[in-house]
Amino acid sequence: MMPILNGKKVVDLEVGGVDSGDYPDFSDAYFSGGCYEDGIPLTDDELNKLTDLAGDVLWEMAFDSLI
């Protein structure tokens, strides 16, 4: 499930800062890129906000990136 930010669905999310040694916390992981469904890219501030608001999605994507 993709998160919603500012009332719009966010797609094409990318994660950064994933370290397998940090499993299961992934405390250094963050959203490094993404855009709204209409194609408008997220700003750094929006990516930071999304990192704070959608920790479950971030964790799942960080975990999946290690497989």
PDB file of N, CA and C in Angstrom:
ATOM      1  N   MET A   1       0.840  -1.186   0.000  1.00  0.00           N
ATOM      2  CA  MET A   1       0.000   0.000   0.000  1.00  0.00           C
ATOM      3  C   MET A   1       0.880   1.242   0.000  1.00  0.00           C
ATOM      4  N   MET A   2       0.627   2.111  -0.912  1.00  0.00           N
ATOM      5  CA  MET A   2       1.393   3.349  -0.989  1.00  0.00           C
ATOM      6  C   MET A   2       0.754   4.403  -0.087  1.00  0.00           C
ATOM      7  N   PRO A   3       1.579   5.187   0.555  1.00  0.00           N
ATOM      8  CA  PRO A   3       1.051   6.185   1.493  1.00  0.00           C
ATOM      9  C   PRO A   3       0.404   7.381   0.794  1.00  0.00           C
ATOM     10  N   ILE A   4      -0.327   8.145   1.589  1.00  0.00           N
ATOM     11  CA  ILE A   4      -0.954   9.373   1.119  1.00  0.00           C
ATOM     12  C   ILE A   4      -0.338  10.533   1.893  1.00  0.00           C
ATOM     13  N   LEU A   5       0.038  11.572   1.163  1.00  0.00           N
ATOM     14  CA  LEU A   5       0.623  12.758   1.761  1.00  0.00           C
ATOM     15  C   LEU A   5      -0.055  13.971   1.142  1.00  0.00           C
ATOM     16  N   ASN A   6      -0.453  14.901   1.967  1.00  0.00           N
ATOM     17  CA  ASN A   6      -1.150  16.104   1.483  1.00  0.00           C
ATOM     18  C   ASN A   6      -2.376  15.756   0.642  1.00  0.00           C
ATOM     19  N   GLY A   7      -3.040  14.650   1.011  1.00  0.00           N
ATOM     20  CA  GLY A   7      -4.259  14.247   0.322  1.00  0.00           C
ATOM     21  C   GLY A   7      -4.041  13.586  -1.031  1.00  0.00           C
ATOM     22  N   LYS A   8      -2.789  13.301  -1.385  1.00  0.00           N
ATOM     23  CA  LYS A   8      -2.491  12.680  -2.681  1.00  0.00           C
ATOM     24  C   LYS A   8      -1.696  11.396  -2.465  1.00  0.00           C
ATOM     25  N   LYS A   9      -1.962  10.405  -3.310  1.00  0.00           N
ATOM     26  CA  LYS A   9      -1.237   9.146  -3.254  1.00  0.00           C
ATOM     27  C   LYS A   9       0.202   9.364  -3.716  1.00  0.00           C
ATOM     28  N   VAL A  10       1.140   8.745  -2.989  1.00  0.00           N
ATOM     29  CA  VAL A  10       2.559   8.841  -3.321  1.00  0.00           C
ATOM     30  C   VAL A  10       2.984   7.538  -3.988  1.00  0.00           C
ATOM     31  N   VAL A  11       3.718   7.641  -5.096  1.00  0.00           N
ATOM     32  CA  VAL A  11       4.157   6.467  -5.861  1.00  0.00           C
ATOM     33  C   VAL A  11       5.651   6.560  -6.152  1.00  0.00           C
ATOM     34  N   ASP A  12       6.182   5.495  -6.709  1.00  0.00           N
ATOM     35  CA  ASP A  12       7.581   5.425  -7.142  1.00  0.00           C
ATOM     36  C   ASP A  12       8.559   5.790  -6.028  1.00  0.00           C
ATOM     37  N   LEU A  13       8.277   5.310  -4.815  1.00  0.00           N
ATOM     38  CA  LEU A  13       9.137   5.618  -3.682  1.00  0.00           C
ATOM     39  C   LEU A  13      10.464   4.874  -3.766  1.00  0.00           C
ATOM     40  N   GLU A  14      11.508   5.541  -3.342  1.00  0.00           N
ATOM     41  CA  GLU A  14      12.839   4.954  -3.249  1.00  0.00           C
ATOM     42  C   GLU A  14      13.316   5.138  -1.819  1.00  0.00           C
ATOM     43  N   VAL A  15      14.105   4.166  -1.328  1.00  0.00           N
ATOM     44  CA  VAL A  15      14.646   4.273   0.023  1.00  0.00           C
ATOM     45  C   VAL A  15      16.160   4.363  -0.033  1.00  0.00           C
ATOM     46  N   GLY A  16      16.702   5.039   0.952  1.00  0.00           N
ATOM     47  CA  GLY A  16      18.148   5.144   1.099  1.00  0.00           C
ATOM     48  C   GLY A  16      18.511   4.862   2.539  1.00  0.00           C
ATOM     49  N   GLY A  17      19.795   4.720   2.790  1.00  0.00           N
ATOM     50  CA  GLY A  17      20.284   4.527   4.144  1.00  0.00           C
ATOM     51  C   GLY A  17      20.007   3.158   4.726  1.00  0.00           C
ATOM     52  N   VAL A  18      19.722   2.180   3.878  1.00  0.00           N
ATOM     53  CA  VAL A  18      19.414   0.836   4.366  1.00  0.00           C
ATOM     54  C   VAL A  18      20.724   0.104   4.631  1.00  0.00           C
ATOM     55  N   ASP A  19      20.861  -0.407   5.852  1.00  0.00           N
ATOM     56  CA  ASP A  19      22.059  -1.130   6.272  1.00  0.00           C
ATOM     57  C   ASP A  19      21.612  -2.448   6.893  1.00  0.00           C
ATOM     58  N   SER A  20      22.051  -3.565   6.319  1.00  0.00           N
ATOM     59  CA  SER A  20      21.624  -4.866   6.830  1.00  0.00           C
ATOM     60  C   SER A  20      22.046  -5.066   8.283  1.00  0.00           C
ATOM     61  N   GLY A  21      23.115  -4.419   8.702  1.00  0.00           N
ATOM     62  CA  GLY A  21      23.553  -4.520  10.088  1.00  0.00           C
ATOM     63  C   GLY A  21      22.626  -3.812  11.051  1.00  0.00           C
ATOM     64  N   ASP A  22      21.716  -3.014  10.523  1.00  0.00           N
ATOM     65  CA  ASP A  22      20.777  -2.253  11.334  1.00  0.00           C
ATOM     66  C   ASP A  22      19.430  -2.974  11.473  1.00  0.00           C
ATOM     67  N   TYR A  23      19.323  -4.163  10.871  1.00  0.00           N
ATOM     68  CA  TYR A  23      18.088  -4.941  10.976  1.00  0.00           C
ATOM     69  C   TYR A  23      17.873  -5.343  12.428  1.00  0.00           C
ATOM     70  N   PRO A  24      16.708  -5.295  12.987  1.00  0.00           N
ATOM     71  CA  PRO A  24      15.413  -5.066  12.388  1.00  0.00           C
ATOM     72  C   PRO A  24      14.930  -3.621  12.487  1.00  0.00           C
ATOM     73  N   ASP A  25      15.750  -2.725  12.992  1.00  0.00           N
ATOM     74  CA  ASP A  25      15.290  -1.355  13.218  1.00  0.00           C
ATOM     75  C   ASP A  25      15.297  -0.475  11.978  1.00  0.00           C
ATOM     76  N   PHE A  26      16.332  -0.607  11.148  1.00  0.00           N
ATOM     77  CA  PHE A  26      16.494   0.255   9.970  1.00  0.00           C
ATOM     78  C   PHE A  26      16.371   1.729  10.356  1.00  0.00           C
ATOM     79  N   SER A  27      17.001   2.100  11.462  1.00  0.00           N
ATOM     80  CA  SER A  27      16.855   3.458  11.986  1.00  0.00           C
ATOM     81  C   SER A  27      17.482   4.527  11.090  1.00  0.00           C
ATOM     82  N   ASP A  28      18.372   4.137  10.193  1.00  0.00           N
ATOM     83  CA  ASP A  28      18.988   5.107   9.290  1.00  0.00           C
ATOM     84  C   ASP A  28      18.289   5.192   7.934  1.00  0.00           C
ATOM     85  N   ALA A  29      17.283   4.363   7.712  1.00  0.00           N
ATOM     86  CA  ALA A  29      16.577   4.346   6.430  1.00  0.00           C
ATOM     87  C   ALA A  29      15.688   5.586   6.296  1.00  0.00           C
ATOM     88  N   TYR A  30      15.521   6.021   5.066  1.00  0.00           N
ATOM     89  CA  TYR A  30      14.704   7.199   4.771  1.00  0.00           C
ATOM     90  C   TYR A  30      14.209   7.109   3.340  1.00  0.00           C
ATOM     91  N   PHE A  31      13.158   7.864   3.031  1.00  0.00           N
ATOM     92  CA  PHE A  31      12.695   7.945   1.653  1.00  0.00           C
ATOM     93  C   PHE A  31      13.591   8.933   0.917  1.00  0.00           C
ATOM     94  N   SER A  32      14.200   8.470  -0.161  1.00  0.00           N
ATOM     95  CA  SER A  32      15.139   9.306  -0.905  1.00  0.00           C
ATOM     96  C   SER A  32      14.546   9.859  -2.201  1.00  0.00           C
ATOM     97  N   GLY A  33      13.400   9.352  -2.600  1.00  0.00           N
ATOM     98  CA  GLY A  33      12.773   9.836  -3.817  1.00  0.00           C
ATOM     99  C   GLY A  33      11.364   9.318  -3.933  1.00  0.00           C
ATOM    100  N   GLY A  34      10.599  10.001  -4.734  1.00  0.00           N
ATOM    101  CA  GLY A  34       9.224   9.605  -4.970  1.00  0.00           C
ATOM    102  C   GLY A  34       8.457  10.755  -5.601  1.00  0.00           C
ATOM    103  N   CYS A  35       7.247  10.467  -6.001  1.00  0.00           N
ATOM    104  CA  CYS A  35       6.420  11.515  -6.583  1.00  0.00           C
ATOM    105  C   CYS A  35       4.961  11.237  -6.267  1.00  0.00           C
ATOM    106  N   TYR A  36       4.159  12.267  -6.462  1.00  0.00           N
ATOM    107  CA  TYR A  36       2.726  12.091  -6.321  1.00  0.00           C
ATOM    108  C   TYR A  36       2.204  11.345  -7.543  1.00  0.00           C
ATOM    109  N   GLU A  37       1.038  10.789  -7.423  1.00  0.00           N
ATOM    110  CA  GLU A  37       0.432  10.010  -8.499  1.00  0.00           C
ATOM    111  C   GLU A  37       0.317  10.815  -9.794  1.00  0.00           C
ATOM    112  N   ASP A  38       0.229  12.143  -9.674  1.00  0.00           N
ATOM    113  CA  ASP A  38       0.122  12.981 -10.871  1.00  0.00           C
ATOM    114  C   ASP A  38       1.485  13.326 -11.478  1.00  0.00           C
ATOM    115  N   GLY A  39       2.564  12.751 -10.915  1.00  0.00           N
ATOM    116  CA  GLY A  39       3.891  12.929 -11.486  1.00  0.00           C
ATOM    117  C   GLY A  39       4.716  14.037 -10.864  1.00  0.00           C
ATOM    118  N   ILE A  40       4.152  14.815  -9.961  1.00  0.00           N
ATOM    119  CA  ILE A  40       4.910  15.897  -9.319  1.00  0.00           C
ATOM    120  C   ILE A  40       5.862  15.293  -8.293  1.00  0.00           C
ATOM    121  N   PRO A  41       7.167  15.551  -8.434  1.00  0.00           N
ATOM    122  CA  PRO A  41       8.146  14.982  -7.493  1.00  0.00           C
ATOM    123  C   PRO A  41       7.976  15.553  -6.086  1.00  0.00           C
ATOM    124  N   LEU A  42       8.278  14.729  -5.092  1.00  0.00           N
ATOM    125  CA  LEU A  42       8.249  15.179  -3.706  1.00  0.00           C
ATOM    126  C   LEU A  42       9.504  15.996  -3.422  1.00  0.00           C
ATOM    127  N   THR A  43       9.330  17.051  -2.653  1.00  0.00           N
ATOM    128  CA  THR A  43      10.473  17.857  -2.224  1.00  0.00           C
ATOM    129  C   THR A  43      11.192  17.141  -1.086  1.00  0.00           C
ATOM    130  N   ASP A  44      12.370  17.616  -0.743  1.00  0.00           N
ATOM    131  CA  ASP A  44      13.103  17.032   0.383  1.00  0.00           C
ATOM    132  C   ASP A  44      12.289  17.120   1.665  1.00  0.00           C
ATOM    133  N   ASP A  45      11.610  18.247   1.872  1.00  0.00           N
ATOM    134  CA  ASP A  45      10.783  18.401   3.069  1.00  0.00           C
ATOM    135  C   ASP A  45       9.630  17.392   3.084  1.00  0.00           C
ATOM    136  N   GLU A  46       9.023  17.169   1.934  1.00  0.00           N
ATOM    137  CA  GLU A  46       7.925  16.198   1.855  1.00  0.00           C
ATOM    138  C   GLU A  46       8.444  14.784   2.084  1.00  0.00           C
ATOM    139  N   LEU A  47       9.622  14.476   1.555  1.00  0.00           N
ATOM    140  CA  LEU A  47      10.210  13.152   1.782  1.00  0.00           C
ATOM    141  C   LEU A  47      10.519  12.952   3.264  1.00  0.00           C
ATOM    142  N   ASN A  48      11.020  13.981   3.925  1.00  0.00           N
ATOM    143  CA  ASN A  48      11.288  13.890   5.361  1.00  0.00           C
ATOM    144  C   ASN A  48       9.996  13.674   6.147  1.00  0.00           C
ATOM    145  N   LYS A  49       8.953  14.397   5.779  1.00  0.00           N
ATOM    146  CA  LYS A  49       7.662  14.259   6.447  1.00  0.00           C
ATOM    147  C   LYS A  49       7.113  12.854   6.244  1.00  0.00           C
ATOM    148  N   LEU A  50       7.235  12.350   5.022  1.00  0.00           N
ATOM    149  CA  LEU A  50       6.753  11.009   4.717  1.00  0.00           C
ATOM    150  C   LEU A  50       7.541   9.962   5.496  1.00  0.00           C
ATOM    151  N   THR A  51       8.836  10.169   5.653  1.00  0.00           N
ATOM    152  CA  THR A  51       9.665   9.253   6.442  1.00  0.00           C
ATOM    153  C   THR A  51       9.126   9.171   7.864  1.00  0.00           C
ATOM    154  N   ASP A  52       8.707  10.297   8.413  1.00  0.00           N
ATOM    155  CA  ASP A  52       8.157  10.323   9.769  1.00  0.00           C
ATOM    156  C   ASP A  52       6.762   9.708   9.842  1.00  0.00           C
ATOM    157  N   LEU A  53       5.940   9.922   8.813  1.00  0.00           N
ATOM    158  CA  LEU A  53       4.541   9.502   8.853  1.00  0.00           C
ATOM    159  C   LEU A  53       4.298   8.064   8.394  1.00  0.00           C
ATOM    160  N   ALA A  54       5.131   7.548   7.532  1.00  0.00           N
ATOM    161  CA  ALA A  54       4.870   6.229   6.933  1.00  0.00           C
ATOM    162  C   ALA A  54       5.987   5.248   7.270  1.00  0.00           C
ATOM    163  N   GLY A  55       6.297   5.151   8.556  1.00  0.00           N
ATOM    164  CA  GLY A  55       7.374   4.266   9.002  1.00  0.00           C
ATOM    165  C   GLY A  55       7.153   2.809   8.644  1.00  0.00           C
ATOM    166  N   ASP A  56       5.893   2.361   8.625  1.00  0.00           N
ATOM    167  CA  ASP A  56       5.617   0.975   8.283  1.00  0.00           C
ATOM    168  C   ASP A  56       5.956   0.677   6.822  1.00  0.00           C
ATOM    169  N   VAL A  57       5.629   1.601   5.940  1.00  0.00           N
ATOM    170  CA  VAL A  57       5.952   1.433   4.513  1.00  0.00           C
ATOM    171  C   VAL A  57       7.463   1.491   4.327  1.00  0.00           C
ATOM    172  N   LEU A  58       8.114   2.414   5.011  1.00  0.00           N
ATOM    173  CA  LEU A  58       9.566   2.542   4.932  1.00  0.00           C
ATOM    174  C   LEU A  58      10.248   1.270   5.396  1.00  0.00           C
ATOM    175  N   TRP A  59       9.807   0.713   6.530  1.00  0.00           N
ATOM    176  CA  TRP A  59      10.414  -0.504   7.057  1.00  0.00           C
ATOM    177  C   TRP A  59      10.270  -1.651   6.061  1.00  0.00           C
ATOM    178  N   GLU A  60       9.070  -1.804   5.513  1.00  0.00           N
ATOM    179  CA  GLU A  60       8.825  -2.892   4.563  1.00  0.00           C
ATOM    180  C   GLU A  60       9.711  -2.742   3.320  1.00  0.00           C
ATOM    181  N   MET A  61       9.828  -1.521   2.805  1.00  0.00           N
ATOM    182  CA  MET A  61      10.655  -1.300   1.618  1.00  0.00           C
ATOM    183  C   MET A  61      12.126  -1.524   1.932  1.00  0.00           C
ATOM    184  N   ALA A  62      12.569  -1.117   3.122  1.00  0.00           N
ATOM    185  CA  ALA A  62      13.961  -1.330   3.532  1.00  0.00           C
ATOM    186  C   ALA A  62      14.238  -2.825   3.629  1.00  0.00           C
ATOM    187  N   PHE A  63      13.336  -3.566   4.248  1.00  0.00           N
ATOM    188  CA  PHE A  63      13.484  -5.013   4.371  1.00  0.00           C
ATOM    189  C   PHE A  63      13.525  -5.664   2.997  1.00  0.00           C
ATOM    190  N   ASP A  64      12.580  -5.288   2.131  1.00  0.00           N
ATOM    191  CA  ASP A  64      12.512  -5.873   0.788  1.00  0.00           C
ATOM    192  C   ASP A  64      13.766  -5.578  -0.029  1.00  0.00           C
ATOM    193  N   SER A  65      14.416  -4.449   0.239  1.00  0.00           N
ATOM    194  CA  SER A  65      15.614  -4.113  -0.532  1.00  0.00           C
ATOM    195  C   SER A  65      16.794  -5.020  -0.204  1.00  0.00           C
ATOM    196  N   LEU A  66      16.715  -5.729   0.920  1.00  0.00           N
ATOM    197  CA  LEU A  66      17.798  -6.631   1.320  1.00  0.00           C
ATOM    198  C   LEU A  66      17.643  -8.017   0.753  1.00  0.00           C
ATOM    199  N   ILE A  67      16.453  -8.337   0.265  1.00  0.00           N
ATOM    200  CA  ILE A  67      16.187  -9.689  -0.241  1.00  0.00           C
ATOM    201  C   ILE A  67      16.662  -9.818  -1.669  1.00  0.00           C
TER     202      ILE A  67
END
